[in-house]
Amino acid sequence: MSHTEADELVLALNVLASGQNLRDRAIKGFEASFRNAPDDSPNQIDGWAVDDIEPHFASCSLVFADQHRHYPFLDTRLQLCVRDRNGPSSYPMGYYRLLTRLDGAFVDDFLVFDFPKPTGEEGPCHRPNESDQC
């Protein structure tokens, strides 16, 4: 594949993702996960509320070979961050993934927290690597 063909492919994928509004759809899907939380903890999951978390766009990828799905799809990923109570920094605490077919149809989504919300005097989160910042 020539450099020009690769550039055209990337441009076409950008147009596809932009036309399907995947960044905004991922943020709305993340927020909807809290509205659909179990009845025993409405609008909270693992102690986290939607207002505790800052979603940041991480990537949008074309997956054309996958062991579970036998069709190409787009994987839009948000990095989820939480503010440090003791400073201005924020740290990763999980991710959200939105999977869509190439025509924009919803396939699946995943909301994953790396740890529950700390309670009491514990720090804002477990940071195995202090350089992990959002």
N, C-alpha and C. Protein backbone atom coordinates (compact mmCIF):
# COMPACT_ATOMS: atom_id res chain seq x y z
N MET A 1 0.86 -1.17 0.00
CA MET A 1 0.00 0.00 0.00
C MET A 1 0.90 1.23 0.00
N SER A 2 0.62 2.13 -0.91
CA SER A 2 1.43 3.34 -0.99
C SER A 2 1.06 4.30 0.13
N HIS A 3 1.95 5.26 0.32
CA HIS A 3 1.72 6.28 1.36
C HIS A 3 0.40 7.01 1.10
N THR A 4 0.11 7.30 -0.14
CA THR A 4 -1.12 8.01 -0.50
C THR A 4 -2.34 7.15 -0.19
N GLU A 5 -2.30 5.86 -0.49
CA GLU A 5 -3.42 4.97 -0.20
C GLU A 5 -3.67 4.87 1.30
N ALA A 6 -2.60 4.77 2.08
CA ALA A 6 -2.74 4.71 3.53
C ALA A 6 -3.35 5.99 4.07
N ASP A 7 -2.89 7.13 3.54
CA ASP A 7 -3.45 8.42 3.97
C ASP A 7 -4.93 8.51 3.64
N GLU A 8 -5.31 8.01 2.46
CA GLU A 8 -6.72 8.04 2.06
C GLU A 8 -7.56 7.14 2.96
N LEU A 9 -7.00 6.00 3.34
CA LEU A 9 -7.70 5.08 4.23
C LEU A 9 -7.93 5.74 5.60
N VAL A 10 -6.91 6.36 6.14
CA VAL A 10 -7.03 7.05 7.44
C VAL A 10 -8.04 8.19 7.34
N LEU A 11 -8.00 8.94 6.26
CA LEU A 11 -8.96 10.02 6.07
C LEU A 11 -10.38 9.47 6.01
N ALA A 12 -10.59 8.38 5.28
CA ALA A 12 -11.92 7.78 5.19
C ALA A 12 -12.41 7.30 6.56
N LEU A 13 -11.52 6.74 7.36
CA LEU A 13 -11.91 6.28 8.70
C LEU A 13 -12.24 7.47 9.59
N ASN A 14 -11.49 8.56 9.48
CA ASN A 14 -11.80 9.77 10.25
C ASN A 14 -13.17 10.33 9.87
N VAL A 15 -13.46 10.34 8.57
CA VAL A 15 -14.76 10.83 8.10
C VAL A 15 -15.87 9.92 8.63
N LEU A 16 -15.64 8.60 8.60
CA LEU A 16 -16.63 7.65 9.11
C LEU A 16 -16.90 7.88 10.59
N ALA A 17 -15.85 7.97 11.40
CA ALA A 17 -16.00 8.17 12.85
C ALA A 17 -16.66 9.51 13.15
N SER A 18 -16.25 10.54 12.43
CA SER A 18 -16.83 11.86 12.65
C SER A 18 -18.30 11.89 12.24
N GLY A 19 -18.61 11.28 11.11
CA GLY A 19 -19.99 11.26 10.62
C GLY A 19 -20.92 10.50 11.55
N GLN A 20 -20.39 9.53 12.26
CA GLN A 20 -21.20 8.75 13.22
C GLN A 20 -21.14 9.35 14.62
N ASN A 21 -20.42 10.45 14.78
CA ASN A 21 -20.37 11.17 16.06
C ASN A 21 -19.95 10.23 17.20
N LEU A 22 -18.92 9.42 16.97
CA LEU A 22 -18.57 8.36 17.91
C LEU A 22 -18.05 8.89 19.24
N ARG A 23 -17.34 10.00 19.25
CA ARG A 23 -16.86 10.55 20.54
C ARG A 23 -18.03 10.91 21.44
N ASP A 24 -18.98 11.66 20.89
CA ASP A 24 -20.15 12.06 21.69
C ASP A 24 -21.01 10.87 22.07
N ARG A 25 -21.17 9.92 21.15
CA ARG A 25 -21.95 8.72 21.46
C ARG A 25 -21.31 7.92 22.59
N ALA A 26 -19.97 7.87 22.62
CA ALA A 26 -19.28 7.16 23.69
C ALA A 26 -19.50 7.87 25.03
N ILE A 27 -19.42 9.18 25.05
CA ILE A 27 -19.65 9.92 26.31
C ILE A 27 -21.08 9.72 26.78
N LYS A 28 -22.04 9.79 25.87
CA LYS A 28 -23.44 9.57 26.25
C LYS A 28 -23.66 8.13 26.73
N GLY A 29 -22.99 7.17 26.10
CA GLY A 29 -23.10 5.78 26.54
C GLY A 29 -22.52 5.58 27.93
N PHE A 30 -21.40 6.22 28.19
CA PHE A 30 -20.79 6.17 29.53
C PHE A 30 -21.77 6.72 30.57
N GLU A 31 -22.35 7.88 30.30
CA GLU A 31 -23.30 8.48 31.24
C GLU A 31 -24.54 7.61 31.41
N ALA A 32 -25.00 6.98 30.35
CA ALA A 32 -26.18 6.11 30.42
C ALA A 32 -25.92 4.90 31.31
N SER A 33 -24.68 4.47 31.39
CA SER A 33 -24.34 3.33 32.25
C SER A 33 -24.72 3.60 33.70
N PHE A 34 -24.62 4.85 34.13
CA PHE A 34 -24.99 5.21 35.50
C PHE A 34 -26.49 5.27 35.67
N ARG A 35 -27.19 5.76 34.66
CA ARG A 35 -28.66 5.80 34.74
C ARG A 35 -29.23 4.38 34.78
N ASN A 36 -28.52 3.43 34.21
CA ASN A 36 -28.98 2.05 34.16
C ASN A 36 -28.38 1.20 35.28
N ALA A 37 -27.82 1.84 36.29
CA ALA A 37 -27.20 1.12 37.41
C ALA A 37 -28.27 0.32 38.16
N PRO A 38 -27.85 -0.73 38.89
CA PRO A 38 -28.81 -1.53 39.66
C PRO A 38 -29.62 -0.67 40.64
N ASP A 39 -30.83 -1.13 40.95
CA ASP A 39 -31.74 -0.37 41.81
C ASP A 39 -31.18 -0.11 43.21
N ASP A 40 -30.32 -1.01 43.72
CA ASP A 40 -29.82 -0.82 45.08
C ASP A 40 -28.81 0.32 45.18
N SER A 41 -28.30 0.80 44.05
CA SER A 41 -27.40 1.95 44.07
C SER A 41 -27.65 2.81 42.83
N PRO A 42 -28.80 3.48 42.78
CA PRO A 42 -29.13 4.26 41.59
C PRO A 42 -28.08 5.34 41.32
N ASN A 43 -27.71 5.45 40.06
CA ASN A 43 -26.76 6.46 39.60
C ASN A 43 -25.38 6.31 40.20
N GLN A 44 -25.05 5.13 40.75
CA GLN A 44 -23.72 4.86 41.27
C GLN A 44 -23.31 3.44 40.89
N ILE A 45 -22.02 3.30 40.65
CA ILE A 45 -21.44 1.98 40.39
C ILE A 45 -20.13 1.90 41.16
N ASP A 46 -19.99 0.88 41.99
CA ASP A 46 -18.79 0.70 42.83
C ASP A 46 -18.47 1.96 43.65
N GLY A 47 -19.51 2.69 44.05
CA GLY A 47 -19.32 3.89 44.83
C GLY A 47 -19.09 5.15 44.01
N TRP A 48 -18.82 4.99 42.73
CA TRP A 48 -18.55 6.13 41.86
C TRP A 48 -19.86 6.69 41.30
N ALA A 49 -19.97 7.99 41.26
CA ALA A 49 -21.07 8.67 40.59
C ALA A 49 -20.52 9.28 39.30
N VAL A 50 -21.38 9.54 38.35
CA VAL A 50 -20.93 10.07 37.07
C VAL A 50 -20.16 11.38 37.26
N ASP A 51 -20.52 12.19 38.26
CA ASP A 51 -19.83 13.46 38.49
C ASP A 51 -18.44 13.29 39.07
N ASP A 52 -18.11 12.11 39.60
CA ASP A 52 -16.77 11.84 40.13
C ASP A 52 -15.75 11.61 39.02
N ILE A 53 -16.22 11.30 37.83
CA ILE A 53 -15.35 10.79 36.78
C ILE A 53 -15.30 11.75 35.59
N GLU A 54 -14.10 11.93 35.07
CA GLU A 54 -13.90 12.74 33.86
C GLU A 54 -13.59 11.81 32.71
N PRO A 55 -14.49 11.70 31.73
CA PRO A 55 -14.18 10.86 30.57
C PRO A 55 -13.32 11.64 29.58
N HIS A 56 -12.27 11.01 29.09
CA HIS A 56 -11.38 11.61 28.10
C HIS A 56 -11.30 10.67 26.90
N PHE A 57 -11.46 11.24 25.72
CA PHE A 57 -11.33 10.43 24.50
C PHE A 57 -9.93 9.82 24.46
N ALA A 58 -9.86 8.52 24.22
CA ALA A 58 -8.57 7.83 24.13
C ALA A 58 -8.27 7.39 22.70
N SER A 59 -9.25 6.73 22.05
CA SER A 59 -8.97 6.24 20.70
C SER A 59 -10.25 5.82 19.99
N CYS A 60 -10.11 5.71 18.69
CA CYS A 60 -11.15 5.11 17.85
C CYS A 60 -10.40 4.23 16.86
N SER A 61 -10.73 2.94 16.85
CA SER A 61 -9.98 1.98 16.05
C SER A 61 -10.92 1.15 15.19
N LEU A 62 -10.41 0.78 14.03
CA LEU A 62 -11.10 -0.19 13.18
C LEU A 62 -10.57 -1.56 13.55
N VAL A 63 -11.48 -2.46 13.89
CA VAL A 63 -11.10 -3.85 14.16
C VAL A 63 -11.66 -4.67 13.01
N PHE A 64 -10.76 -5.25 12.25
CA PHE A 64 -11.20 -6.02 11.08
C PHE A 64 -11.01 -7.52 11.27
N ALA A 65 -10.33 -7.91 12.36
CA ALA A 65 -10.17 -9.32 12.69
C ALA A 65 -10.30 -9.44 14.21
N ASP A 66 -11.25 -10.28 14.65
CA ASP A 66 -11.53 -10.41 16.07
C ASP A 66 -11.95 -11.86 16.34
N GLN A 67 -11.53 -12.40 17.45
CA GLN A 67 -11.85 -13.80 17.73
C GLN A 67 -13.33 -14.02 18.06
N HIS A 68 -14.04 -12.97 18.50
CA HIS A 68 -15.43 -13.14 18.92
C HIS A 68 -16.44 -12.63 17.89
N ARG A 69 -16.06 -11.63 17.14
CA ARG A 69 -16.97 -11.05 16.15
C ARG A 69 -16.38 -11.30 14.77
N HIS A 70 -17.21 -11.74 13.86
CA HIS A 70 -16.73 -12.12 12.54
C HIS A 70 -17.13 -11.08 11.49
N TYR A 71 -17.04 -9.83 11.88
CA TYR A 71 -17.32 -8.70 10.98
C TYR A 71 -16.48 -7.53 11.49
N PRO A 72 -16.17 -6.59 10.62
CA PRO A 72 -15.39 -5.43 11.06
C PRO A 72 -16.26 -4.50 11.91
N PHE A 73 -15.63 -3.82 12.86
CA PHE A 73 -16.35 -2.87 13.71
C PHE A 73 -15.41 -1.77 14.18
N LEU A 74 -15.99 -0.70 14.69
CA LEU A 74 -15.24 0.41 15.25
C LEU A 74 -15.27 0.30 16.77
N ASP A 75 -14.14 0.51 17.39
CA ASP A 75 -13.99 0.44 18.85
C ASP A 75 -13.57 1.83 19.33
N THR A 76 -14.50 2.54 19.97
CA THR A 76 -14.24 3.88 20.49
C THR A 76 -14.01 3.76 21.99
N ARG A 77 -12.90 4.27 22.46
CA ARG A 77 -12.50 4.07 23.86
C ARG A 77 -12.31 5.41 24.56
N LEU A 78 -12.88 5.49 25.77
CA LEU A 78 -12.67 6.64 26.65
C LEU A 78 -11.82 6.20 27.83
N GLN A 79 -10.88 7.02 28.23
CA GLN A 79 -10.15 6.78 29.48
C GLN A 79 -10.92 7.54 30.56
N LEU A 80 -11.19 6.85 31.66
CA LEU A 80 -11.94 7.46 32.77
C LEU A 80 -10.95 7.88 33.85
N CYS A 81 -11.07 9.12 34.28
CA CYS A 81 -10.14 9.69 35.24
C CYS A 81 -10.88 10.24 36.44
N VAL A 82 -10.18 10.29 37.56
CA VAL A 82 -10.73 10.82 38.80
C VAL A 82 -9.73 11.85 39.34
N ARG A 83 -10.26 12.94 39.87
CA ARG A 83 -9.42 14.00 40.44
C ARG A 83 -8.79 13.55 41.75
N ASP A 84 -7.57 13.93 41.94
CA ASP A 84 -6.86 13.69 43.19
C ASP A 84 -7.35 14.73 44.20
N ARG A 85 -7.84 14.26 45.35
CA ARG A 85 -8.33 15.19 46.39
C ARG A 85 -7.22 16.08 46.92
N ASN A 86 -5.98 15.63 46.79
CA ASN A 86 -4.85 16.35 47.38
C ASN A 86 -4.09 17.21 46.38
N GLY A 87 -4.62 17.39 45.20
CA GLY A 87 -3.91 18.19 44.22
C GLY A 87 -4.70 18.37 42.94
N PRO A 88 -4.10 19.05 41.98
CA PRO A 88 -4.81 19.37 40.74
C PRO A 88 -4.82 18.25 39.71
N SER A 89 -4.10 17.18 39.96
CA SER A 89 -3.96 16.11 38.98
C SER A 89 -5.19 15.20 38.95
N SER A 90 -5.32 14.49 37.86
CA SER A 90 -6.32 13.43 37.78
C SER A 90 -5.62 12.17 37.30
N TYR A 91 -6.17 11.02 37.69
CA TYR A 91 -5.55 9.74 37.44
C TYR A 91 -6.53 8.78 36.80
N PRO A 92 -6.02 7.89 35.94
CA PRO A 92 -6.91 6.89 35.32
C PRO A 92 -7.49 5.95 36.35
N MET A 93 -8.77 5.64 36.18
CA MET A 93 -9.42 4.70 37.09
C MET A 93 -10.26 3.66 36.35
N GLY A 94 -10.23 3.70 35.03
CA GLY A 94 -10.97 2.73 34.25
C GLY A 94 -11.13 3.17 32.81
N TYR A 95 -12.05 2.51 32.10
CA TYR A 95 -12.29 2.87 30.71
C TYR A 95 -13.71 2.50 30.31
N TYR A 96 -14.14 3.10 29.23
CA TYR A 96 -15.43 2.79 28.61
C TYR A 96 -15.15 2.53 27.14
N ARG A 97 -15.76 1.47 26.59
CA ARG A 97 -15.62 1.14 25.18
C ARG A 97 -16.99 1.06 24.53
N LEU A 98 -17.12 1.67 23.38
CA LEU A 98 -18.33 1.60 22.56
C LEU A 98 -17.96 0.88 21.26
N LEU A 99 -18.64 -0.21 20.97
CA LEU A 99 -18.40 -0.95 19.74
C LEU A 99 -19.59 -0.73 18.81
N THR A 100 -19.28 -0.35 17.56
CA THR A 100 -20.32 -0.12 16.56
C THR A 100 -19.91 -0.77 15.24
N ARG A 101 -20.92 -1.18 14.49
CA ARG A 101 -20.66 -1.68 13.13
C ARG A 101 -20.24 -0.50 12.26
N LEU A 102 -19.74 -0.80 11.09
CA LEU A 102 -19.29 0.26 10.18
C LEU A 102 -20.43 1.17 9.73
N ASP A 103 -21.66 0.67 9.79
CA ASP A 103 -22.81 1.51 9.44
C ASP A 103 -23.32 2.34 10.63
N GLY A 104 -22.64 2.23 11.78
CA GLY A 104 -23.00 3.00 12.96
C GLY A 104 -23.90 2.26 13.94
N ALA A 105 -24.37 1.09 13.59
CA ALA A 105 -25.26 0.33 14.47
C ALA A 105 -24.51 -0.09 15.74
N PHE A 106 -25.19 0.04 16.88
CA PHE A 106 -24.63 -0.36 18.17
C PHE A 106 -24.37 -1.86 18.18
N VAL A 107 -23.20 -2.26 18.70
CA VAL A 107 -22.87 -3.67 18.88
C VAL A 107 -22.83 -4.00 20.37
N ASP A 108 -22.03 -3.27 21.14
CA ASP A 108 -21.86 -3.56 22.56
C ASP A 108 -21.14 -2.39 23.21
N ASP A 109 -21.16 -2.37 24.53
CA ASP A 109 -20.33 -1.40 25.26
C ASP A 109 -19.86 -2.02 26.56
N PHE A 110 -18.79 -1.47 27.10
CA PHE A 110 -18.16 -1.98 28.32
C PHE A 110 -17.77 -0.82 29.20
N LEU A 111 -18.11 -0.88 30.47
CA LEU A 111 -17.68 0.10 31.47
C LEU A 111 -16.86 -0.68 32.49
N VAL A 112 -15.59 -0.31 32.63
CA VAL A 112 -14.69 -1.05 33.49
C VAL A 112 -14.00 -0.10 34.45
N PHE A 113 -14.13 -0.38 35.75
CA PHE A 113 -13.42 0.37 36.78
C PHE A 113 -12.28 -0.50 37.29
N ASP A 114 -11.11 0.09 37.44
CA ASP A 114 -9.95 -0.65 37.93
C ASP A 114 -10.01 -0.89 39.43
N PHE A 115 -10.80 -0.08 40.15
CA PHE A 115 -10.93 -0.22 41.60
C PHE A 115 -12.18 0.52 42.05
N PRO A 116 -12.77 0.13 43.20
CA PRO A 116 -13.95 0.85 43.73
C PRO A 116 -13.52 2.20 44.30
N LYS A 117 -14.49 3.05 44.52
CA LYS A 117 -14.21 4.36 45.10
C LYS A 117 -13.70 4.18 46.53
N PRO A 118 -12.56 4.79 46.86
CA PRO A 118 -12.04 4.69 48.23
C PRO A 118 -12.98 5.37 49.22
N THR A 119 -12.96 4.89 50.44
CA THR A 119 -13.78 5.48 51.49
C THR A 119 -12.87 6.02 52.59
N GLY A 120 -13.37 6.88 53.42
CA GLY A 120 -12.63 7.39 54.57
C GLY A 120 -11.42 8.21 54.17
N GLU A 121 -10.33 8.00 54.87
CA GLU A 121 -9.13 8.80 54.67
C GLU A 121 -8.19 8.22 53.62
N GLU A 122 -8.61 7.17 52.95
CA GLU A 122 -7.78 6.64 51.89
C GLU A 122 -7.59 7.70 50.82
N GLY A 123 -6.56 7.53 50.04
CA GLY A 123 -6.31 8.46 48.94
C GLY A 123 -7.40 8.37 47.90
N PRO A 124 -7.32 9.19 46.87
CA PRO A 124 -8.36 9.23 45.85
C PRO A 124 -8.41 7.96 45.02
N CYS A 125 -7.29 7.27 44.92
CA CYS A 125 -7.28 6.04 44.14
C CYS A 125 -5.97 5.32 44.35
N HIS A 126 -5.96 4.08 43.98
CA HIS A 126 -4.73 3.30 44.01
C HIS A 126 -3.95 3.61 42.76
N ARG A 127 -2.77 4.15 42.91
CA ARG A 127 -1.95 4.51 41.76
C ARG A 127 -0.67 3.68 41.77
N PRO A 128 -0.66 2.56 41.08
CA PRO A 128 0.54 1.73 41.10
C PRO A 128 1.73 2.44 40.47
N ASN A 129 1.48 3.38 39.58
CA ASN A 129 2.54 4.11 38.93
C ASN A 129 2.20 5.59 38.99
N GLU A 130 2.95 6.35 39.76
CA GLU A 130 2.65 7.77 39.95
C GLU A 130 2.68 8.55 38.63
N SER A 131 3.33 8.00 37.60
CA SER A 131 3.37 8.72 36.32
C SER A 131 2.09 8.55 35.52
N ASP A 132 1.19 7.66 35.96
CA ASP A 132 -0.09 7.47 35.29
C ASP A 132 -1.00 8.64 35.60
N GLN A 133 -1.05 9.61 34.74
CA GLN A 133 -1.93 10.75 34.92
C GLN A 133 -2.73 10.96 33.66
N CYS A 134 -3.89 11.56 33.82
CA CYS A 134 -4.74 11.87 32.67
C CYS A 134 -4.33 13.19 32.08
